Amino acid sequence: MDLFVGRYIYLEGQTKGIITIHSLILCLFFGPIGLLSHLITSAIVNLRNTPTSELG
């Protein structure tokens, strides 16, 4: 499982331009915690890149 989740994290990070090293390390040692870390990082990056007019 770690191999496939790690590959997903890496490829999505490359596509979206997100730093993934911390998520990959967590995925390697703790499995699902790495995926959770990546999802949180992705959400934060999306919030930071959203123009303030769209936030309401």
Protein backbone atom coordinates (compact mmCIF):
# COMPACT_ATOMS: atom_id res chain seq x y z
CA MET A 1 0.00 0.00 0.00
CA ASP A 2 2.78 2.44 0.88
CA LEU A 3 4.25 2.12 -2.60
CA PHE A 4 1.00 3.05 -4.37
CA VAL A 5 0.10 5.83 -1.94
CA GLY A 6 3.63 7.21 -2.17
CA ARG A 7 3.43 7.18 -5.96
CA TYR A 8 0.09 8.99 -5.82
CA ILE A 9 1.50 11.63 -3.46
CA TYR A 10 4.57 12.16 -5.64
CA LEU A 11 2.67 12.42 -8.94
CA GLU A 12 0.00 14.74 -7.54
CA GLY A 13 2.70 16.91 -6.01
CA GLN A 14 4.46 17.16 -9.36
CA THR A 15 1.20 18.00 -11.14
CA LYS A 16 0.09 20.67 -8.68
CA GLY A 17 3.52 22.00 -7.72
CA ILE A 18 3.22 20.98 -4.05
CA ILE A 19 6.16 20.10 -1.80
CA THR A 20 5.78 16.41 -0.96
CA ILE A 21 8.95 15.29 0.82
CA HIS A 22 7.44 15.42 4.31
CA SER A 23 4.37 13.49 3.17
CA LEU A 24 6.49 10.86 1.43
CA ILE A 25 8.64 10.33 4.53
CA LEU A 26 5.56 10.03 6.74
CA CYS A 27 4.01 7.64 4.22
CA LEU A 28 7.11 5.48 4.26
CA PHE A 29 7.22 5.18 8.07
CA PHE A 30 3.58 5.56 9.14
CA GLY A 31 1.44 4.78 6.06
CA PRO A 32 -1.92 6.57 6.18
CA ILE A 33 -0.53 9.49 8.19
CA GLY A 34 1.55 10.44 5.13
CA LEU A 35 -1.56 10.51 2.96
CA LEU A 36 -3.37 12.62 5.55
CA SER A 37 -0.39 14.98 5.66
CA HIS A 38 -0.47 15.32 1.88
CA LEU A 39 -4.21 16.02 1.82
CA ILE A 40 -3.82 18.72 4.47
CA THR A 41 -0.86 20.25 2.64
CA SER A 42 -2.80 20.21 -0.62
CA ALA A 43 -5.79 21.92 1.02
CA ILE A 44 -3.58 24.63 2.54
CA VAL A 45 -1.89 25.29 -0.80
CA ASN A 46 -5.28 25.50 -2.51
CA LEU A 47 -6.50 28.00 0.09
CA ARG A 48 -3.40 30.14 -0.31
CA ASN A 49 -3.76 30.17 -4.10
CA THR A 50 -7.47 31.04 -4.05
CA PRO A 51 -8.14 34.73 -4.74
CA THR A 52 -9.83 36.50 -1.83
CA SER A 53 -12.82 37.47 -3.99
CA GLU A 54 -13.77 33.79 -4.28
CA LEU A 55 -13.67 33.19 -0.52
CA GLY A 56 -16.60 35.51 0.11
